[in-house]
Amino acid sequence: MADYQHILLAIDLTPECEPVSNRAVDLARRYEAQLTLLHVVENMPVEPGNELMIPPATTVESELLEHAERRLRQLGERLGVPSDRQHVTVGQTKREIVYFAEEENVDLIVVGSHGRHGLALILGSTANAVLHGSPCDVLAVRI
């Protein structure tokens, strides 16, 4: 088995993500691999003709992106990951992680797993979807 060269930490930026990010950093150091951070802001579907008094979707989305970029930058600084390897994108989390891994020739994806059971398990988790769609190895770190 070849050593990992490029590790992707797909992170949700919740307070519980620390063990996941620590594991990714540890692996990157052990393998002397490049570590890249990715956070996906989920699409916010907006129904045309909806008369609710909410800000336009573009305003909400841009605020979510700005907040995510700021939080990811803070995490990147703490982990020692340069800004050119910190990425925030918009889309469906599962698809975006797999797409990014394919495009960037990642050979290990590190994600958090809540170890859900019952209905949450039936509906599927991000870690499970990434595992089954990934072009490379996936490490699901239990949260």
C-alpha atoms as a PDB file:
ATOM      1  CA  MET A   1       0.000   0.000   0.000  1.00  0.00           C
ATOM      2  CA  ALA A   2       1.415   3.355  -1.025  1.00  0.00           C
ATOM      3  CA  ASP A   3       1.629   6.257   1.402  1.00  0.00           C
ATOM      4  CA  TYR A   4      -1.006   8.953   1.228  1.00  0.00           C
ATOM      5  CA  GLN A   5       0.130  12.038  -0.660  1.00  0.00           C
ATOM      6  CA  HIS A   6      -2.956  14.270  -0.550  1.00  0.00           C
ATOM      7  CA  ILE A   7      -5.440  14.159   2.338  1.00  0.00           C
ATOM      8  CA  LEU A   8      -8.755  15.989   2.200  1.00  0.00           C
ATOM      9  CA  LEU A   9     -10.351  17.018   5.480  1.00  0.00           C
ATOM     10  CA  ALA A  10     -14.041  17.488   4.694  1.00  0.00           C
ATOM     11  CA  ILE A  11     -15.195  19.430   7.719  1.00  0.00           C
ATOM     12  CA  ASP A  12     -18.550  20.754   8.909  1.00  0.00           C
ATOM     13  CA  LEU A  13     -17.050  23.438  11.204  1.00  0.00           C
ATOM     14  CA  THR A  14     -19.077  22.405  14.250  1.00  0.00           C
ATOM     15  CA  PRO A  15     -17.458  22.364  17.703  1.00  0.00           C
ATOM     16  CA  GLU A  16     -17.455  18.541  17.519  1.00  0.00           C
ATOM     17  CA  CYS A  17     -15.086  18.585  14.517  1.00  0.00           C
ATOM     18  CA  GLU A  18     -11.910  18.865  16.598  1.00  0.00           C
ATOM     19  CA  PRO A  19     -11.189  15.094  16.840  1.00  0.00           C
ATOM     20  CA  VAL A  20     -11.729  14.819  13.080  1.00  0.00           C
ATOM     21  CA  SER A  21      -9.345  17.667  12.263  1.00  0.00           C
ATOM     22  CA  ASN A  22      -6.769  16.347  14.760  1.00  0.00           C
ATOM     23  CA  ARG A  23      -6.842  12.920  13.093  1.00  0.00           C
ATOM     24  CA  ALA A  24      -6.372  14.460   9.633  1.00  0.00           C
ATOM     25  CA  VAL A  25      -3.432  16.575  10.814  1.00  0.00           C
ATOM     26  CA  ASP A  26      -1.846  13.547  12.477  1.00  0.00           C
ATOM     27  CA  LEU A  27      -2.151  11.485   9.293  1.00  0.00           C
ATOM     28  CA  ALA A  28      -0.785  14.309   7.139  1.00  0.00           C
ATOM     29  CA  ARG A  29       2.251  14.553   9.405  1.00  0.00           C
ATOM     30  CA  ARG A  30       2.816  10.791   9.509  1.00  0.00           C
ATOM     31  CA  TYR A  31       2.669  10.462   5.741  1.00  0.00           C
ATOM     32  CA  GLU A  32       4.213  13.874   5.020  1.00  0.00           C
ATOM     33  CA  ALA A  33       1.133  14.469   2.892  1.00  0.00           C
ATOM     34  CA  GLN A  34      -0.498  17.645   1.671  1.00  0.00           C
ATOM     35  CA  LEU A  35      -3.592  18.478   3.752  1.00  0.00           C
ATOM     36  CA  THR A  36      -6.497  20.319   2.160  1.00  0.00           C
ATOM     37  CA  LEU A  37      -9.597  21.609   3.959  1.00  0.00           C
ATOM     38  CA  LEU A  38     -13.064  21.605   2.402  1.00  0.00           C
ATOM     39  CA  HIS A  39     -16.335  22.896   3.800  1.00  0.00           C
ATOM     40  CA  VAL A  40     -19.559  22.689   1.823  1.00  0.00           C
ATOM     41  CA  VAL A  41     -22.383  25.162   2.354  1.00  0.00           C
ATOM     42  CA  GLU A  42     -25.585  23.313   1.508  1.00  0.00           C
ATOM     43  CA  ASN A  43     -27.778  24.788  -1.214  1.00  0.00           C
ATOM     44  CA  MET A  44     -30.790  26.630   0.135  1.00  0.00           C
ATOM     45  CA  PRO A  45     -33.758  25.744  -2.047  1.00  0.00           C
ATOM     46  CA  VAL A  46     -36.118  28.662  -2.461  1.00  0.00           C
ATOM     47  CA  GLU A  47     -39.571  28.184  -3.865  1.00  0.00           C
ATOM     48  CA  PRO A  48     -40.528  30.710  -6.568  1.00  0.00           C
ATOM     49  CA  GLY A  49     -43.440  32.853  -5.525  1.00  0.00           C
ATOM     50  CA  ASN A  50     -42.796  32.295  -1.840  1.00  0.00           C
ATOM     51  CA  GLU A  51     -44.124  35.324  -0.026  1.00  0.00           C
ATOM     52  CA  LEU A  52     -42.325  34.806   3.256  1.00  0.00           C
ATOM     53  CA  MET A  53     -40.526  37.847   4.610  1.00  0.00           C
ATOM     54  CA  ILE A  54     -36.975  36.535   4.408  1.00  0.00           C
ATOM     55  CA  PRO A  55     -33.904  38.091   2.844  1.00  0.00           C
ATOM     56  CA  PRO A  56     -33.294  37.147  -0.779  1.00  0.00           C
ATOM     57  CA  ALA A  57     -31.576  33.768  -1.182  1.00  0.00           C
ATOM     58  CA  THR A  58     -28.477  35.400  -2.652  1.00  0.00           C
ATOM     59  CA  THR A  59     -28.062  37.526   0.500  1.00  0.00           C
ATOM     60  CA  VAL A  60     -28.477  34.539   2.815  1.00  0.00           C
ATOM     61  CA  GLU A  61     -26.128  32.405   0.725  1.00  0.00           C
ATOM     62  CA  SER A  62     -23.433  35.085   0.593  1.00  0.00           C
ATOM     63  CA  GLU A  63     -23.658  35.567   4.367  1.00  0.00           C
ATOM     64  CA  LEU A  64     -23.349  31.808   4.892  1.00  0.00           C
ATOM     65  CA  LEU A  65     -20.345  31.705   2.562  1.00  0.00           C
ATOM     66  CA  GLU A  66     -18.628  34.617   4.322  1.00  0.00           C
ATOM     67  CA  HIS A  67     -19.208  33.025   7.724  1.00  0.00           C
ATOM     68  CA  ALA A  68     -17.926  29.626   6.523  1.00  0.00           C
ATOM     69  CA  GLU A  69     -14.846  31.175   4.906  1.00  0.00           C
ATOM     70  CA  ARG A  70     -14.042  33.071   8.106  1.00  0.00           C
ATOM     71  CA  ARG A  71     -14.441  29.930  10.277  1.00  0.00           C
ATOM     72  CA  LEU A  72     -12.432  27.791   7.841  1.00  0.00           C
ATOM     73  CA  ARG A  73      -9.659  30.402   7.739  1.00  0.00           C
ATOM     74  CA  GLN A  74      -9.479  30.297  11.564  1.00  0.00           C
ATOM     75  CA  LEU A  75      -9.327  26.500  11.523  1.00  0.00           C
ATOM     76  CA  GLY A  76      -6.700  26.561   8.781  1.00  0.00           C
ATOM     77  CA  GLU A  77      -4.529  28.931  10.796  1.00  0.00           C
ATOM     78  CA  ARG A  78      -4.849  26.729  13.867  1.00  0.00           C
ATOM     79  CA  LEU A  79      -3.964  23.594  11.892  1.00  0.00           C
ATOM     80  CA  GLY A  80      -1.200  25.233   9.858  1.00  0.00           C
ATOM     81  CA  VAL A  81      -2.945  24.763   6.505  1.00  0.00           C
ATOM     82  CA  PRO A  82      -2.145  27.535   3.988  1.00  0.00           C
ATOM     83  CA  SER A  83      -5.034  29.576   2.601  1.00  0.00           C
ATOM     84  CA  ASP A  84      -4.580  28.179  -0.916  1.00  0.00           C
ATOM     85  CA  ARG A  85      -5.580  24.760   0.476  1.00  0.00           C
ATOM     86  CA  GLN A  86      -8.725  25.988   2.216  1.00  0.00           C
ATOM     87  CA  HIS A  87     -11.878  25.710   0.134  1.00  0.00           C
ATOM     88  CA  VAL A  88     -15.514  26.588   0.686  1.00  0.00           C
ATOM     89  CA  THR A  89     -18.045  25.580  -1.933  1.00  0.00           C
ATOM     90  CA  VAL A  90     -21.824  25.529  -2.310  1.00  0.00           C
ATOM     91  CA  GLY A  91     -23.813  22.448  -3.230  1.00  0.00           C
ATOM     92  CA  GLN A  92     -24.887  19.082  -1.933  1.00  0.00           C
ATOM     93  CA  THR A  93     -22.266  18.093   0.618  1.00  0.00           C
ATOM     94  CA  LYS A  94     -21.903  14.453  -0.426  1.00  0.00           C
ATOM     95  CA  ARG A  95     -21.515  15.254  -4.116  1.00  0.00           C
ATOM     96  CA  GLU A  96     -19.169  18.191  -3.611  1.00  0.00           C
ATOM     97  CA  ILE A  97     -16.766  16.186  -1.436  1.00  0.00           C
ATOM     98  CA  VAL A  98     -16.539  13.357  -3.962  1.00  0.00           C
ATOM     99  CA  TYR A  99     -16.236  15.795  -6.888  1.00  0.00           C
ATOM    100  CA  PHE A 100     -13.467  17.757  -5.137  1.00  0.00           C
ATOM    101  CA  ALA A 101     -11.562  14.560  -4.317  1.00  0.00           C
ATOM    102  CA  GLU A 102     -11.719  13.463  -7.952  1.00  0.00           C
ATOM    103  CA  GLU A 103     -10.669  16.845  -9.338  1.00  0.00           C
ATOM    104  CA  GLU A 104      -7.796  17.346  -6.885  1.00  0.00           C
ATOM    105  CA  ASN A 105      -6.404  13.784  -6.976  1.00  0.00           C
ATOM    106  CA  VAL A 106      -7.015  13.204  -3.290  1.00  0.00           C
ATOM    107  CA  ASP A 107      -6.061   9.760  -2.029  1.00  0.00           C
ATOM    108  CA  LEU A 108      -7.667   9.930   1.445  1.00  0.00           C
ATOM    109  CA  ILE A 109     -10.793  11.737   2.602  1.00  0.00           C
ATOM    110  CA  VAL A 110     -11.225  12.276   6.341  1.00  0.00           C
ATOM    111  CA  VAL A 111     -14.800  12.953   7.498  1.00  0.00           C
ATOM    112  CA  GLY A 112     -16.655  12.913  10.795  1.00  0.00           C
ATOM    113  CA  SER A 113     -19.302  10.319  11.558  1.00  0.00           C
ATOM    114  CA  HIS A 114     -21.974  10.648  14.198  1.00  0.00           C
ATOM    115  CA  GLY A 115     -22.657   6.889  14.162  1.00  0.00           C
ATOM    116  CA  ARG A 116     -26.385   7.388  13.707  1.00  0.00           C
ATOM    117  CA  HIS A 117     -28.898   4.582  14.017  1.00  0.00           C
ATOM    118  CA  GLY A 118     -32.535   4.066  13.109  1.00  0.00           C
ATOM    119  CA  LEU A 119     -34.169   6.598  10.803  1.00  0.00           C
ATOM    120  CA  ALA A 120     -30.979   8.665  10.434  1.00  0.00           C
ATOM    121  CA  LEU A 121     -29.176   5.534   9.284  1.00  0.00           C
ATOM    122  CA  ILE A 122     -31.904   4.714   6.748  1.00  0.00           C
ATOM    123  CA  LEU A 123     -31.771   8.242   5.340  1.00  0.00           C
ATOM    124  CA  GLY A 124     -28.005   7.939   5.069  1.00  0.00           C
ATOM    125  CA  SER A 125     -25.154  10.019   6.374  1.00  0.00           C
ATOM    126  CA  THR A 126     -22.605  12.161   4.620  1.00  0.00           C
ATOM    127  CA  ALA A 127     -19.791   9.823   5.692  1.00  0.00           C
ATOM    128  CA  ASN A 128     -21.623   6.800   4.273  1.00  0.00           C
ATOM    129  CA  ALA A 129     -22.436   8.533   0.992  1.00  0.00           C
ATOM    130  CA  VAL A 130     -18.844   9.722   0.593  1.00  0.00           C
ATOM    131  CA  LEU A 131     -17.559   6.222   1.359  1.00  0.00           C
ATOM    132  CA  HIS A 132     -19.691   4.670  -1.366  1.00  0.00           C
ATOM    133  CA  GLY A 133     -19.069   7.372  -3.969  1.00  0.00           C
ATOM    134  CA  SER A 134     -15.424   8.138  -3.320  1.00  0.00           C
ATOM    135  CA  PRO A 135     -12.620   7.529  -5.797  1.00  0.00           C
ATOM    136  CA  CYS A 136     -10.205   6.948  -2.882  1.00  0.00           C
ATOM    137  CA  ASP A 137      -9.925   5.736   0.708  1.00  0.00           C
ATOM    138  CA  VAL A 138     -12.227   7.304   3.281  1.00  0.00           C
ATOM    139  CA  LEU A 139     -11.610   7.538   7.014  1.00  0.00           C
ATOM    140  CA  ALA A 140     -14.751   8.185   9.063  1.00  0.00           C
ATOM    141  CA  VAL A 141     -13.766   9.480  12.498  1.00  0.00           C
ATOM    142  CA  ARG A 142     -16.421   8.840  15.119  1.00  0.00           C
ATOM    143  CA  ILE A 143     -17.669  12.039  16.739  1.00  0.00           C
END
